[in-house]
Amino acid sequence: MKIDIVTLFPEICRAPLNESIIKRAQEKGIVDVHIHNLRDWTTDKHHVVDDAPFGGGQGMVMKPEPIFAAVEELRDGKQQTLNSDKSRADAQRSTSNVQRTKIENRKSKVILMSPAGRRLDQQLATDLSNESHLVVICGHYEGVDHRVIEHLVDLEISIGDYVLTNGAIAAVVLVDAVVRLLPGVLGHEQSAADDSFSAGLLEGPQYTRPADFRGWKVPQILLSGDHAHIAEWRKQEALRRTKKNRPDLLHE
């Protein structure tokens, strides 16, 4: 899988995506993560990416020209820079086609991180893990020009019912949720299947050594070696935990 992230704040994405499991997945060649600065696709000397909203209102809106230019280039596979910001001081790009109809993304899924998007859940992460190429646009300010959504974006995604400083933070969450589901990323293939939400329930409680800590003992069944009963116990505990912490999951 290839993932291109387009953001005004590359460093926000770069640090967490170059650690732990995601770093190892890149080193193994399972996923190829590219992080790009949207300003590299501007054509003016001040690298302007936003402007005031038509009709008035607070804040600034991200302009369509650099976003279209970035996605069209990345979708066509012309961008080759890994985890680095390529200078385009001498680059010349035509933006005369910004009014054309929506790009046909035969192999690329274009995603906009937005609080107005579909809420990310485990099923959506699983669906996206089957894609070959994700282009993730990170929103900022008061959002993006709506023509980006109408004619370029395949899917708007939100990571929750709250607002973040910028979409780069949300993009990291999305990428982590998707990449860990790719074959070979986790140490044990069953790990992802056993995660919370994978079966519509939260994951049941886990214990490790010591078996007795400050008088709090591990449930005896986990020490029994009876794997069938342990599996049933975990299922019931997952159900109990879900009823307590996330009863909404049981009504979906």
Protein backbone atom coordinates (compact mmCIF):
# COMPACT_ATOMS: atom_id res chain seq x y z
CA MET A 1 0.00 0.00 0.00
CA LYS A 2 1.05 3.56 -0.72
CA ILE A 3 -0.16 6.49 1.40
CA ASP A 4 0.37 10.13 0.49
CA ILE A 5 -0.45 12.75 3.14
CA VAL A 6 -0.85 16.37 2.03
CA THR A 7 -0.64 18.83 4.91
CA LEU A 8 0.50 22.29 5.92
CA PHE A 9 2.31 20.74 8.90
CA PRO A 10 4.44 17.77 7.75
CA GLU A 11 6.30 17.46 11.05
CA ILE A 12 3.09 16.71 12.92
CA CYS A 13 2.72 13.58 10.80
CA ARG A 14 6.36 12.67 10.39
CA ALA A 15 7.29 11.99 14.02
CA PRO A 16 4.55 9.51 15.04
CA LEU A 17 4.59 7.72 11.66
CA ASN A 18 8.31 7.04 12.00
CA GLU A 19 8.04 5.15 15.26
CA SER A 20 7.11 1.66 16.45
CA ILE A 21 4.85 -0.55 14.33
CA ILE A 22 4.31 1.94 11.50
CA LYS A 23 8.06 2.48 11.14
CA ARG A 24 8.68 -1.27 10.96
CA ALA A 25 5.91 -1.67 8.40
CA GLN A 26 7.68 0.86 6.19
CA GLU A 27 11.04 -0.82 6.68
CA LYS A 28 9.50 -4.16 5.65
CA GLY A 29 8.09 -2.60 2.50
CA ILE A 30 4.51 -3.33 3.53
CA VAL A 31 3.50 0.33 3.31
CA ASP A 32 5.08 3.33 1.61
CA VAL A 33 4.24 6.56 3.44
CA HIS A 34 4.93 9.93 1.82
CA ILE A 35 4.36 13.21 3.67
CA HIS A 36 4.06 16.37 1.59
CA ASN A 37 3.82 20.08 2.30
CA LEU A 38 0.83 21.56 0.47
CA ARG A 39 2.72 24.83 -0.02
CA ASP A 40 5.01 23.02 -2.48
CA TRP A 41 2.15 23.12 -4.96
CA THR A 42 1.55 26.88 -4.77
CA THR A 43 2.65 29.07 -7.67
CA ASP A 44 2.98 32.51 -6.02
CA LYS A 45 6.06 33.78 -4.26
CA HIS A 46 4.30 33.92 -0.88
CA HIS A 47 3.02 30.30 -1.09
CA VAL A 48 -0.54 31.33 -0.24
CA VAL A 49 -2.88 28.42 0.48
CA ASP A 50 -5.90 30.19 1.97
CA ASP A 51 -8.21 33.14 1.40
CA ALA A 52 -11.26 34.81 2.94
CA PRO A 53 -14.62 33.08 2.46
CA PHE A 54 -17.10 34.42 -0.08
CA GLY A 55 -20.20 35.76 1.68
CA GLY A 56 -18.21 36.79 4.73
CA GLY A 57 -17.60 34.93 7.94
CA GLN A 58 -14.84 34.11 10.38
CA GLY A 59 -11.51 32.55 9.50
CA MET A 60 -9.91 31.54 6.23
CA VAL A 61 -10.69 28.84 3.68
CA MET A 62 -8.12 26.62 1.97
CA LYS A 63 -7.85 27.45 -1.73
CA PRO A 64 -8.65 24.79 -4.35
CA GLU A 65 -5.72 25.34 -6.74
CA PRO A 66 -2.85 23.84 -4.69
CA ILE A 67 -5.03 20.98 -3.43
CA PHE A 68 -6.09 19.97 -6.94
CA ALA A 69 -2.50 20.30 -8.19
CA ALA A 70 -1.15 18.13 -5.36
CA VAL A 71 -3.74 15.38 -5.65
CA GLU A 72 -3.58 15.22 -9.43
CA GLU A 73 0.20 14.87 -9.33
CA LEU A 74 0.20 12.28 -6.56
CA ARG A 75 -2.64 10.34 -8.13
CA ASP A 76 -0.73 10.12 -11.38
CA GLY A 77 2.33 8.78 -9.57
CA LYS A 78 4.68 11.58 -10.55
CA GLN A 79 5.70 12.44 -6.99
CA GLN A 80 8.63 10.32 -5.81
CA THR A 81 9.80 12.03 -2.60
CA LEU A 82 9.53 9.87 0.55
CA ASN A 83 8.89 11.66 3.85
CA SER A 84 10.45 14.88 2.60
CA ASP A 85 9.37 18.26 1.29
CA LYS A 86 10.52 18.71 -2.31
CA SER A 87 11.35 22.22 -3.40
CA ARG A 88 9.33 23.38 -6.35
CA ALA A 89 10.67 26.94 -6.59
CA ASP A 90 11.13 26.62 -10.36
CA ALA A 91 8.15 24.40 -11.05
CA GLN A 92 5.38 25.67 -13.27
CA ARG A 93 1.94 24.13 -13.10
CA SER A 94 -1.22 24.87 -14.99
CA THR A 95 -4.35 25.36 -12.87
CA SER A 96 -6.71 26.19 -15.73
CA ASN A 97 -8.61 22.91 -15.33
CA VAL A 98 -9.83 23.33 -11.75
CA GLN A 99 -13.43 23.37 -12.97
CA ARG A 100 -13.29 19.99 -14.67
CA THR A 101 -15.40 17.11 -13.46
CA LYS A 102 -14.35 14.77 -10.68
CA ILE A 103 -11.18 12.79 -11.25
CA GLU A 104 -11.69 9.10 -11.91
CA ASN A 105 -9.61 7.50 -9.19
CA ARG A 106 -9.28 3.96 -10.48
CA LYS A 107 -6.52 3.03 -8.05
CA SER A 108 -6.35 6.00 -5.68
CA LYS A 109 -8.78 6.82 -2.88
CA VAL A 110 -8.76 10.54 -2.08
CA ILE A 111 -9.67 11.29 1.53
CA LEU A 112 -10.28 14.60 3.27
CA MET A 113 -9.87 14.71 7.05
CA SER A 114 -12.76 16.85 8.22
CA PRO A 115 -15.00 17.12 11.31
CA ALA A 116 -17.92 17.06 8.86
CA GLY A 117 -16.95 13.64 7.51
CA ARG A 118 -18.03 10.08 8.17
CA ARG A 119 -16.87 8.97 11.59
CA LEU A 120 -13.92 6.59 11.50
CA ASP A 121 -14.60 3.13 12.90
CA GLN A 122 -12.97 -0.27 12.68
CA GLN A 123 -15.02 -1.35 9.69
CA LEU A 124 -14.05 1.74 7.72
CA ALA A 125 -10.39 1.20 8.63
CA THR A 126 -10.70 -2.39 7.42
CA ASP A 127 -12.27 -1.28 4.14
CA LEU A 128 -9.50 1.24 3.54
CA SER A 129 -6.81 -1.34 4.28
CA ASN A 130 -7.89 -3.08 1.07
CA GLU A 131 -7.06 -0.04 -1.05
CA SER A 132 -3.75 0.17 -2.91
CA HIS A 133 -3.26 3.93 -2.68
CA LEU A 134 -4.63 6.52 -0.27
CA VAL A 135 -4.20 10.26 -0.77
CA VAL A 136 -5.04 11.99 2.51
CA ILE A 137 -5.76 15.73 2.50
CA CYS A 138 -5.47 17.44 5.87
CA GLY A 139 -7.99 20.22 6.39
CA HIS A 140 -7.18 23.39 8.30
CA TYR A 141 -8.57 26.85 9.06
CA GLU A 142 -12.35 26.94 8.40
CA GLY A 143 -12.09 24.03 5.98
CA VAL A 144 -11.47 23.66 2.26
CA ASP A 145 -13.15 25.23 -0.74
CA HIS A 146 -16.22 23.05 -1.30
CA ARG A 147 -15.26 22.41 -4.92
CA VAL A 148 -12.51 20.18 -3.56
CA ILE A 149 -15.15 18.06 -1.86
CA GLU A 150 -17.50 18.10 -4.85
CA HIS A 151 -15.00 17.32 -7.58
CA LEU A 152 -11.89 15.75 -6.06
CA VAL A 153 -12.53 13.96 -2.76
CA ASP A 154 -13.91 10.42 -2.62
CA LEU A 155 -14.52 10.31 1.11
CA GLU A 156 -14.59 12.76 4.03
CA ILE A 157 -13.52 11.21 7.34
CA SER A 158 -13.75 12.47 10.92
CA ILE A 159 -12.07 10.71 13.84
CA GLY A 160 -14.72 11.87 16.31
CA ASP A 161 -17.31 14.42 17.27
CA TYR A 162 -14.85 17.13 18.28
CA VAL A 163 -12.65 19.68 16.52
CA LEU A 164 -8.85 19.49 16.35
CA THR A 165 -6.29 22.21 15.62
CA ASN A 166 -5.73 20.73 12.16
CA GLY A 167 -6.34 17.64 10.09
CA ALA A 168 -2.74 16.39 10.27
CA ILE A 169 -3.38 15.01 13.76
CA ALA A 170 -6.45 13.17 12.49
CA ALA A 171 -4.52 11.87 9.47
CA VAL A 172 -1.99 10.18 11.76
CA VAL A 173 -4.83 8.41 13.58
CA LEU A 174 -6.34 7.26 10.29
CA VAL A 175 -3.04 5.98 8.89
CA ASP A 176 -2.22 4.09 12.10
CA ALA A 177 -5.67 2.47 12.20
CA VAL A 178 -5.38 1.36 8.57
CA VAL A 179 -1.74 0.26 8.40
CA ARG A 180 -1.90 -2.01 11.45
CA LEU A 181 -4.53 -4.06 9.60
CA LEU A 182 -2.24 -4.83 6.66
CA PRO A 183 -0.96 -8.42 6.51
CA GLY A 184 2.44 -8.79 8.17
CA VAL A 185 2.34 -5.54 10.14
CA LEU A 186 1.41 -6.94 13.55
CA GLY A 187 3.46 -9.63 15.24
CA HIS A 188 0.54 -12.07 15.28
CA GLU A 189 -2.08 -12.18 12.54
CA GLN A 190 -4.82 -12.76 15.12
CA SER A 191 -3.96 -9.57 16.98
CA ALA A 192 -6.03 -7.31 14.72
CA ALA A 193 -8.95 -9.73 14.74
CA ASP A 194 -8.98 -9.70 18.55
CA ASP A 195 -8.91 -5.91 18.86
CA SER A 196 -11.76 -3.90 20.31
CA PHE A 197 -14.54 -3.22 17.76
CA SER A 198 -13.42 -6.00 15.40
CA ALA A 199 -16.36 -8.16 16.48
CA GLY A 200 -18.61 -5.25 17.36
CA LEU A 201 -17.55 -5.38 21.02
CA LEU A 202 -14.81 -3.90 23.15
CA GLU A 203 -11.93 -6.20 23.89
CA GLY A 204 -12.14 -8.07 27.18
CA PRO A 205 -9.70 -7.53 30.07
CA GLN A 206 -6.09 -8.73 29.79
CA TYR A 207 -3.70 -9.79 32.56
CA THR A 208 -0.02 -10.67 32.83
CA ARG A 209 2.50 -11.62 35.53
CA PRO A 210 2.50 -11.49 38.49
CA ALA A 211 -0.61 -13.57 39.08
CA ASP A 212 -1.03 -11.91 42.48
CA PHE A 213 -0.34 -8.18 42.71
CA ARG A 214 -1.08 -6.43 46.00
CA GLY A 215 -3.64 -9.08 46.72
CA TRP A 216 -5.45 -8.59 43.41
CA LYS A 217 -5.41 -11.96 41.71
CA VAL A 218 -5.75 -12.88 38.08
CA PRO A 219 -9.07 -14.70 37.40
CA GLN A 220 -8.44 -18.38 38.02
CA ILE A 221 -9.89 -19.45 34.68
CA LEU A 222 -7.00 -17.76 32.86
CA LEU A 223 -4.59 -20.02 34.72
CA SER A 224 -6.57 -23.20 34.03
CA GLY A 225 -5.19 -24.03 30.59
CA ASP A 226 -8.74 -24.76 29.38
CA HIS A 227 -8.69 -22.73 26.16
CA ALA A 228 -12.33 -23.31 25.26
CA HIS A 229 -13.52 -22.00 28.62
CA ILE A 230 -11.04 -19.14 28.47
CA ALA A 231 -12.40 -18.12 25.06
CA GLU A 232 -15.97 -18.20 26.38
CA TRP A 233 -14.96 -16.20 29.47
CA ARG A 234 -13.30 -13.56 27.30
CA LYS A 235 -16.38 -13.32 25.12
CA GLN A 236 -18.63 -12.78 28.13
CA GLU A 237 -16.23 -10.26 29.65
CA ALA A 238 -16.09 -8.37 26.36
CA LEU A 239 -19.88 -8.20 26.34
CA ARG A 240 -19.96 -7.04 29.97
CA ARG A 241 -17.33 -4.38 29.33
CA THR A 242 -19.16 -3.14 26.25
CA LYS A 243 -22.45 -2.86 28.16
CA LYS A 244 -20.68 -0.80 30.83
CA ASN A 245 -18.50 1.50 28.71
CA ARG A 246 -20.07 1.60 25.24
CA PRO A 247 -23.70 0.43 25.34
CA ASP A 248 -24.29 2.29 22.06
CA LEU A 249 -22.31 -0.42 20.24
CA LEU A 250 -24.90 -3.01 21.21
CA HIS A 251 -27.69 -1.05 19.53
CA GLU A 252 -25.99 -0.41 16.19
